[in-house]
Amino acid sequence: MAVELPDDLVELERCAWTAIQAGTLTVETAVAVQERIREYAAECGTPRLEIETALKRAVRYS
């Protein structure tokens, strides 16, 4: 089953991935992504790891 990801979460991950590649990722950005992943996982009843995996695939490998 494919996980549907909200636009705000995808955008947060894109910002974090760009910062990782530039070597400028901050703790605040990383925490914001993780908090939103946890929130969304709770909202939709999907395991956090499944959300995070789908998110990384969508942003980093597509």
C-alpha atoms as a PDB file:
ATOM      1  CA  MET A   1       0.000   0.000   0.000  1.00  0.00           C
ATOM      2  CA  ALA A   2       1.342   3.418  -0.951  1.00  0.00           C
ATOM      3  CA  VAL A   3       1.549   6.055   1.740  1.00  0.00           C
ATOM      4  CA  GLU A   4      -0.020   9.386   0.847  1.00  0.00           C
ATOM      5  CA  LEU A   5       2.188  12.196   2.093  1.00  0.00           C
ATOM      6  CA  PRO A   6       0.932  15.691   2.887  1.00  0.00           C
ATOM      7  CA  ASP A   7       2.503  18.533   0.928  1.00  0.00           C
ATOM      8  CA  ASP A   8       3.829  20.294   4.039  1.00  0.00           C
ATOM      9  CA  LEU A   9       5.728  17.184   5.106  1.00  0.00           C
ATOM     10  CA  VAL A  10       7.227  16.707   1.659  1.00  0.00           C
ATOM     11  CA  GLU A  11       8.326  20.348   1.628  1.00  0.00           C
ATOM     12  CA  LEU A  12       9.943  20.024   5.066  1.00  0.00           C
ATOM     13  CA  GLU A  13      11.883  16.969   3.896  1.00  0.00           C
ATOM     14  CA  ARG A  14      12.950  18.744   0.695  1.00  0.00           C
ATOM     15  CA  CYS A  15      14.329  21.629   2.749  1.00  0.00           C
ATOM     16  CA  ALA A  16      16.133  19.210   5.058  1.00  0.00           C
ATOM     17  CA  TRP A  17      17.558  17.197   2.137  1.00  0.00           C
ATOM     18  CA  THR A  18      18.806  20.367   0.449  1.00  0.00           C
ATOM     19  CA  ALA A  19      20.441  21.415   3.712  1.00  0.00           C
ATOM     20  CA  ILE A  20      22.025  17.971   4.148  1.00  0.00           C
ATOM     21  CA  GLN A  21      23.518  18.157   0.676  1.00  0.00           C
ATOM     22  CA  ALA A  22      24.845  21.679   1.356  1.00  0.00           C
ATOM     23  CA  GLY A  23      26.196  20.689   4.761  1.00  0.00           C
ATOM     24  CA  THR A  24      23.954  23.206   6.508  1.00  0.00           C
ATOM     25  CA  LEU A  25      21.318  21.052   8.198  1.00  0.00           C
ATOM     26  CA  THR A  26      20.381  22.442  11.606  1.00  0.00           C
ATOM     27  CA  VAL A  27      19.050  20.568  14.588  1.00  0.00           C
ATOM     28  CA  GLU A  28      15.913  22.692  14.377  1.00  0.00           C
ATOM     29  CA  THR A  29      15.211  21.610  10.802  1.00  0.00           C
ATOM     30  CA  ALA A  30      15.842  17.941  11.567  1.00  0.00           C
ATOM     31  CA  VAL A  31      13.594  18.095  14.639  1.00  0.00           C
ATOM     32  CA  ALA A  32      10.831  19.830  12.666  1.00  0.00           C
ATOM     33  CA  VAL A  33      10.823  17.013  10.108  1.00  0.00           C
ATOM     34  CA  GLN A  34      10.781  14.299  12.770  1.00  0.00           C
ATOM     35  CA  GLU A  35       8.007  15.993  14.745  1.00  0.00           C
ATOM     36  CA  ARG A  36       5.839  16.333  11.637  1.00  0.00           C
ATOM     37  CA  ILE A  37       6.492  12.686  10.727  1.00  0.00           C
ATOM     38  CA  ARG A  38       5.338  11.639  14.200  1.00  0.00           C
ATOM     39  CA  GLU A  39       2.255  13.872  13.998  1.00  0.00           C
ATOM     40  CA  TYR A  40       1.267  12.560  10.597  1.00  0.00           C
ATOM     41  CA  ALA A  41       1.859   8.938  11.602  1.00  0.00           C
ATOM     42  CA  ALA A  42      -0.482   9.431  14.564  1.00  0.00           C
ATOM     43  CA  GLU A  43      -3.077  11.186  12.378  1.00  0.00           C
ATOM     44  CA  CYS A  44      -3.258   8.437   9.785  1.00  0.00           C
ATOM     45  CA  GLY A  45      -2.485   5.422  11.991  1.00  0.00           C
ATOM     46  CA  THR A  46       0.536   4.406   9.946  1.00  0.00           C
ATOM     47  CA  PRO A  47       3.822   3.418  11.603  1.00  0.00           C
ATOM     48  CA  ARG A  48       6.312   6.299  11.803  1.00  0.00           C
ATOM     49  CA  LEU A  49       9.015   4.277  10.088  1.00  0.00           C
ATOM     50  CA  GLU A  50       6.724   3.573   7.131  1.00  0.00           C
ATOM     51  CA  ILE A  51       5.990   7.302   6.771  1.00  0.00           C
ATOM     52  CA  GLU A  52       9.674   8.212   7.018  1.00  0.00           C
ATOM     53  CA  THR A  53      10.698   5.585   4.471  1.00  0.00           C
ATOM     54  CA  ALA A  54       8.044   6.718   1.985  1.00  0.00           C
ATOM     55  CA  LEU A  55       9.033  10.334   2.528  1.00  0.00           C
ATOM     56  CA  LYS A  56      12.719   9.719   1.876  1.00  0.00           C
ATOM     57  CA  ARG A  57      11.906   7.718  -1.243  1.00  0.00           C
ATOM     58  CA  ALA A  58       9.639  10.480  -2.528  1.00  0.00           C
ATOM     59  CA  VAL A  59      12.163  13.265  -1.945  1.00  0.00           C
ATOM     60  CA  ARG A  60      15.566  11.654  -2.359  1.00  0.00           C
ATOM     61  CA  TYR A  61      15.039   8.974  -4.975  1.00  0.00           C
ATOM     62  CA  SER A  62      12.431  10.266  -7.389  1.00  0.00           C
END
